[in-house]
N, C-alpha and C. Protein backbone atom coordinates (compact mmCIF):
# COMPACT_ATOMS: atom_id res chain seq x y z
N MET A 1 105.21 110.72 108.94
CA MET A 1 104.92 110.31 110.35
C MET A 1 105.56 108.72 110.27
N ASN A 2 106.55 108.50 111.37
CA ASN A 2 106.64 106.95 111.81
C ASN A 2 107.13 107.03 113.49
N LYS A 3 106.09 106.53 114.13
CA LYS A 3 106.35 107.11 115.52
C LYS A 3 106.04 105.60 116.52
N GLN A 4 107.31 105.50 116.71
CA GLN A 4 106.89 103.79 117.60
C GLN A 4 106.26 104.27 119.01
N ILE A 5 105.78 103.00 119.18
CA ILE A 5 104.46 103.78 120.47
C ILE A 5 105.01 102.22 121.47
N ALA A 6 104.65 101.09 121.07
CA ALA A 6 105.43 100.34 122.35
C ALA A 6 106.03 99.08 121.59
N LYS A 7 106.78 98.25 122.47
CA LYS A 7 107.26 97.10 121.89
C LYS A 7 106.56 96.02 123.21
N ILE A 8 106.57 94.80 122.48
CA ILE A 8 105.94 93.84 123.51
C ILE A 8 106.93 92.74 122.86
N GLN A 9 107.76 92.06 123.92
CA GLN A 9 108.50 90.84 123.49
C GLN A 9 107.54 89.70 123.59
N LYS A 10 108.27 89.21 122.30
CA LYS A 10 107.08 87.70 122.23
C LYS A 10 107.92 86.56 122.52
N ASN A 11 109.31 86.21 122.19
CA ASN A 11 110.04 85.56 122.81
C ASN A 11 111.31 86.24 122.89
N SER A 12 112.37 84.92 122.86
CA SER A 12 113.85 85.60 123.24
C SER A 12 114.51 85.89 121.94
N MET A 13 113.97 86.07 121.19
CA MET A 13 114.64 86.41 119.80
C MET A 13 113.42 87.48 118.95
N GLU A 14 112.22 87.53 119.58
CA GLU A 14 111.24 88.25 118.69
C GLU A 14 110.52 89.32 119.39
N GLU A 15 109.92 90.29 118.66
CA GLU A 15 109.25 91.47 119.77
C GLU A 15 108.18 91.78 118.52
N ILE A 16 107.52 92.44 119.13
CA ILE A 16 106.40 92.94 118.47
C ILE A 16 106.48 94.74 118.89
N ARG A 17 106.41 95.36 117.45
CA ARG A 17 106.64 96.73 117.77
C ARG A 17 105.13 97.32 116.98
N ILE A 18 104.85 98.31 117.86
CA ILE A 18 103.68 99.16 117.55
C ILE A 18 103.80 100.59 117.18
N ALA A 19 103.95 100.82 115.71
CA ALA A 19 103.77 102.15 115.62
C ALA A 19 102.93 103.08 114.69
N LEU A 20 102.89 104.25 114.63
CA LEU A 20 101.97 105.34 114.34
C LEU A 20 102.80 105.50 112.83
N GLN A 21 102.16 105.21 111.43
CA GLN A 21 102.48 105.81 110.42
C GLN A 21 101.70 106.23 109.23
N GLU A 22 102.56 106.99 108.30
CA GLU A 22 101.50 107.37 107.27
C GLU A 22 101.72 106.39 105.92
N TYR A 23 100.39 106.17 105.39
CA TYR A 23 101.27 105.37 104.03
C TYR A 23 99.99 105.81 102.82
N GLU A 24 100.66 106.38 101.99
CA GLU A 24 99.89 107.16 100.97
C GLU A 24 98.84 107.87 101.52
N GLY A 25 99.44 108.82 102.16
CA GLY A 25 98.50 110.16 103.06
C GLY A 25 97.34 109.27 103.90
N GLU A 26 97.16 108.38 104.65
CA GLU A 26 96.59 107.45 105.40
C GLU A 26 97.25 107.22 106.68
N ASN A 27 96.79 107.74 107.88
CA ASN A 27 97.49 107.50 109.13
C ASN A 27 97.06 105.98 109.62
N LEU A 28 98.06 105.37 109.67
CA LEU A 28 97.73 103.78 110.21
C LEU A 28 98.79 103.33 111.50
N ILE A 29 98.30 102.26 112.04
CA ILE A 29 98.98 101.57 113.37
C ILE A 29 99.36 100.31 112.61
N ASP A 30 100.74 100.33 112.87
CA ASP A 30 101.54 99.13 112.11
C ASP A 30 102.10 98.23 113.38
N MET A 31 101.60 96.89 113.63
CA MET A 31 101.61 95.69 114.33
C MET A 31 102.67 95.13 113.68
N ARG A 32 103.86 95.32 114.25
CA ARG A 32 104.87 94.05 113.57
C ARG A 32 105.87 93.32 114.09
N VAL A 33 105.96 92.19 113.57
CA VAL A 33 107.11 91.01 114.34
C VAL A 33 108.27 91.75 113.79
N TRP A 34 109.47 92.03 115.15
CA TRP A 34 110.91 92.46 114.71
C TRP A 34 111.50 91.23 114.95
N ALA A 35 112.81 90.48 114.63
CA ALA A 35 113.52 89.31 114.70
C ALA A 35 114.70 89.79 115.03
N GLU A 36 115.78 89.47 116.03
CA GLU A 36 117.02 89.94 116.12
C GLU A 36 117.71 88.78 115.29
N VAL A 37 118.40 88.96 114.30
CA VAL A 37 119.33 88.28 113.79
C VAL A 37 121.01 88.81 113.53
N ASP A 38 121.72 87.70 114.35
CA ASP A 38 123.19 88.27 114.28
C ASP A 38 123.47 89.68 115.32
N GLY A 39 122.57 89.95 116.03
CA GLY A 39 122.56 90.95 116.88
C GLY A 39 121.69 92.42 116.45
N GLU A 40 121.08 91.97 115.10
CA GLU A 40 120.55 93.44 114.98
C GLU A 40 119.04 92.81 114.77
N TRP A 41 118.05 94.11 114.90
CA TRP A 41 116.76 94.04 114.88
C TRP A 41 115.99 94.13 113.11
N ILE A 42 115.48 93.32 112.59
CA ILE A 42 114.63 93.23 111.67
C ILE A 42 113.61 93.18 111.21
N ARG A 43 112.93 94.31 110.47
CA ARG A 43 111.45 93.97 110.31
C ARG A 43 111.22 92.55 109.72
N THR A 44 109.97 91.79 110.27
CA THR A 44 109.22 91.20 109.36
C THR A 44 108.35 91.44 108.68
N ARG A 45 108.16 90.41 107.88
CA ARG A 45 106.57 90.45 107.21
C ARG A 45 105.47 90.14 107.91
N LYS A 46 105.55 89.33 109.24
CA LYS A 46 104.56 89.09 109.78
C LYS A 46 104.35 90.21 110.79
N GLY A 47 102.86 90.61 110.97
CA GLY A 47 102.23 91.53 111.27
C GLY A 47 100.73 92.28 110.33
N LEU A 48 100.33 93.47 110.83
CA LEU A 48 99.29 94.16 110.27
C LEU A 48 99.15 95.28 110.43
N CYS A 49 98.75 96.32 109.46
CA CYS A 49 98.29 97.84 109.51
C CYS A 49 96.85 97.77 109.57
N ILE A 50 96.39 98.81 110.25
CA ILE A 50 95.00 99.21 110.35
C ILE A 50 95.13 100.76 110.44
N ARG A 51 93.52 101.11 109.95
CA ARG A 51 93.50 102.59 109.85
C ARG A 51 93.39 103.39 111.17
N LEU A 52 93.63 104.36 111.72
CA LEU A 52 93.28 104.57 112.84
C LEU A 52 91.69 104.71 113.23
N ASP A 53 91.04 104.68 112.09
CA ASP A 53 89.19 104.98 112.62
C ASP A 53 88.86 103.50 112.88
N LEU A 54 89.79 102.41 112.59
CA LEU A 54 89.15 101.03 113.31
C LEU A 54 90.00 100.41 114.32
N VAL A 55 90.76 101.69 115.45
CA VAL A 55 91.17 100.88 116.33
C VAL A 55 90.13 100.84 117.60
N PRO A 56 89.33 101.57 117.96
CA PRO A 56 88.02 101.23 118.65
C PRO A 56 87.38 100.00 118.67
N GLU A 57 87.21 99.39 117.19
CA GLU A 57 86.74 98.06 116.58
C GLU A 57 87.79 97.32 117.62
N LEU A 58 89.08 97.38 117.48
CA LEU A 58 89.92 96.24 117.63
C LEU A 58 90.13 96.17 118.82
N ILE A 59 90.14 97.18 119.84
CA ILE A 59 89.87 97.28 121.08
C ILE A 59 89.01 96.72 121.75
N LYS A 60 87.77 96.68 121.54
CA LYS A 60 86.31 95.89 121.52
C LYS A 60 87.10 94.20 121.67
N ALA A 61 87.09 93.87 120.06
CA ALA A 61 87.61 92.48 120.20
C ALA A 61 88.56 92.10 121.13
N LEU A 62 89.46 92.88 121.08
CA LEU A 62 90.44 92.20 122.51
C LEU A 62 89.62 92.37 123.62
N GLU A 63 89.28 93.23 123.85
CA GLU A 63 88.43 93.06 125.19
C GLU A 63 87.61 92.01 125.53
N LYS A 64 87.16 91.77 124.28
CA LYS A 64 86.03 90.45 124.37
C LYS A 64 87.12 88.89 124.54
N VAL A 65 88.06 89.29 123.90
CA VAL A 65 89.02 88.07 123.75
C VAL A 65 89.53 88.15 125.61
N LYS A 66 89.69 89.21 126.15
CA LYS A 66 90.49 88.84 127.36
C LYS A 66 89.15 88.28 128.39
N LYS A 67 88.01 89.26 128.40
CA LYS A 67 86.94 88.34 129.20
C LYS A 67 86.64 86.64 128.65
N GLN A 68 86.76 86.48 127.61
CA GLN A 68 86.82 84.72 127.28
C GLN A 68 87.84 83.86 127.76
N THR A 69 88.86 84.69 127.75
CA THR A 69 89.98 84.12 128.60
C THR A 69 90.50 84.05 130.05
N GLU A 70 89.30 84.68 131.00
CA GLU A 70 89.62 84.98 132.26
C GLU A 70 89.27 83.84 133.20
């Protein structure tokens, strides 16, 4: 399984791609920075992968960040 879910434009030359993927039998969410180099999008090492069972905890943390910055 490797299914792109979303793209977020980070700046004029980079975007964050969020995808579902499987690694060694484990389903993960991959949030990775992609960079445009010579007109081609290249996956960088910047980013993280988390297990699907950690998504609710990640969402709670992001909601805390949002509340603190409003």
